[in-house]
Protein backbone atom coordinates (compact mmCIF):
# COMPACT_ATOMS: atom_id res chain seq x y z
CA MET A 1 16.77 -15.80 -3.38
CA GLY A 2 13.73 -17.11 -3.35
CA ARG A 3 10.33 -14.92 -3.84
CA ARG A 4 9.45 -16.16 0.02
CA GLU A 5 12.93 -15.15 0.99
CA GLU A 6 12.42 -12.12 -0.44
CA ILE A 7 9.58 -11.35 1.19
CA ALA A 8 10.55 -12.37 4.47
CA GLU A 9 13.71 -9.58 3.66
CA SER A 10 11.03 -7.04 3.46
CA ILE A 11 9.40 -7.66 6.04
CA ILE A 12 12.16 -6.97 8.01
CA LYS A 13 13.74 -4.00 6.35
CA PHE A 14 10.55 -2.95 6.61
CA ALA A 15 10.23 -3.17 10.42
CA GLN A 16 13.96 -1.69 11.02
CA ASP A 17 13.42 1.21 8.18
CA ASN A 18 10.15 2.45 10.81
CA ASP A 19 11.66 2.16 13.79
CA LEU A 20 8.84 -1.46 14.21
CA GLU A 21 9.21 -4.96 15.59
CA ILE A 22 7.98 -8.00 14.81
CA HIS A 23 5.46 -9.11 16.54
CA PRO A 24 7.13 -11.85 19.09
CA GLY A 25 4.55 -14.47 18.07
CA GLN A 26 5.32 -14.03 14.37
CA ASP A 27 8.36 -15.28 11.99
CA PRO A 28 8.69 -13.52 8.51
CA LEU A 29 9.84 -16.69 6.92
CA LYS A 30 5.99 -18.44 7.67
CA TRP A 31 4.31 -14.77 7.46
CA ALA A 32 5.85 -14.57 3.91
CA ASP A 33 4.34 -18.06 3.01
CA LEU A 34 1.12 -16.68 4.07
CA VAL A 35 1.80 -13.89 1.78
CA ILE A 36 2.21 -16.13 -1.12
CA LYS A 37 -0.80 -18.50 -0.28
CA LYS A 38 -3.28 -15.38 -0.40
CA GLY A 39 -1.50 -13.60 -3.10
CA GLY A 40 -0.77 -10.45 -1.18
CA CYS A 41 -1.73 -9.32 2.41
CA PRO A 42 -2.73 -12.55 4.46
CA CYS A 43 -5.72 -9.73 6.62
CA VAL A 44 -7.04 -7.50 4.77
CA PRO A 45 -8.30 -8.49 0.73
CA GLY A 46 -7.74 -6.59 -1.48
CA ARG A 47 -3.75 -5.28 -0.89
CA ASN A 48 -1.54 -6.88 -2.75
CA HIS A 49 1.76 -6.80 -0.88
CA CYS A 50 3.06 -7.46 2.57
CA PRO A 51 4.07 -5.13 3.94
CA CYS A 52 1.63 -2.77 2.52
CA GLU A 53 1.26 0.95 2.39
CA PHE A 54 -0.95 0.95 4.86
CA VAL A 55 0.54 -0.20 8.02
CA LEU A 56 1.54 3.24 9.14
CA GLU A 57 -1.76 4.63 8.64
CA ASP A 58 -3.42 1.40 10.06
CA MET A 59 -1.26 1.89 14.07
CA LYS A 60 -2.83 4.80 13.89
CA GLU A 61 -5.82 3.77 13.65
CA THR A 62 -5.73 0.38 15.55
CA ASP A 63 -7.91 0.10 18.58
CA HIS A 64 -8.41 -3.32 20.62
CA ARG A 65 -9.58 -1.17 23.66
CA SER A 66 -6.89 -2.53 25.99
CA PRO A 67 -3.37 -1.84 26.36
CA PRO A 68 -0.76 -2.93 24.46
CA PHE A 69 -3.37 -3.12 22.10
CA SER A 70 -4.23 0.37 21.87
CA PRO A 71 -3.77 2.68 19.04
CA ARG A 72 -0.15 3.15 17.96
CA ASN A 73 1.02 0.02 18.78
CA ARG A 74 0.26 -2.57 16.39
CA CYS A 75 -0.78 -2.85 12.74
CA ARG A 76 -3.77 -4.41 11.93
CA CYS A 77 -2.43 -7.73 10.87
CA GLY A 78 -0.17 -7.66 14.33
CA LEU A 79 2.62 -8.59 12.39
CA PHE A 80 3.98 -4.86 13.03
CA CYS A 81 4.36 -3.40 16.37
CA ASN A 82 6.10 -0.36 18.28
CA GLN A 83 8.44 -0.49 20.79
CA ALA A 84 5.92 -0.18 23.75
CA PHE A 85 4.17 -3.29 22.36
CA ILE A 86 6.96 -5.37 23.02
CA GLU A 87 7.72 -3.74 26.72
CA GLU A 88 3.90 -4.41 27.49
CA TYR A 89 3.95 -8.16 25.98
CA ASN A 90 7.30 -8.75 27.57
CA ARG A 91 5.79 -7.50 30.94
CA LEU A 92 2.42 -9.57 30.43
CA LEU A 93 3.97 -12.49 29.92
CA ALA A 94 6.85 -12.22 32.52
CA GLU A 95 3.62 -12.09 34.92
CA TRP A 96 1.47 -15.06 33.30
CA LYS A 97 4.53 -17.10 33.48
CA SER A 98 4.83 -16.32 37.30
CA ARG A 99 1.57 -16.91 37.71
CA ARG A 100 1.67 -20.38 36.52
CA LYS A 101 2.15 -23.11 39.00
CA TRP A 102 3.71 -26.49 37.81
CA THR A 103 1.79 -29.82 40.39
CA PRO A 104 3.73 -32.48 38.88
CA LYS A 105 1.45 -35.72 38.42
CA LEU A 106 2.67 -38.14 41.00
CA LYS A 107 2.41 -42.52 39.55
CA VAL A 108 0.66 -44.24 42.25
CA SER A 109 2.56 -47.66 41.78
CA SER A 110 -0.14 -50.89 42.48
């Protein structure tokens, strides 16, 4: 197993061990690529590992002023989130999809 796979595996294990989810828009392997490229946490300079030891602390402090991005729902990087975030994310996504209207473009022959 290469470094990329080890990092992705540690991300998944951290989420499982702490009753967290990986954000639906993130992929552990792609995130591992960022960690390797940045030499540590891709979001917060000076944090040398991902997942870093501050994830759970960050989740208590993160406040983006509107649900579902309220305190305790996701980490600073947005990689880890809790079930409340997932539920709200899925609700908003379904609402957005139901509002989208598709209008086919008609080709006019000349």
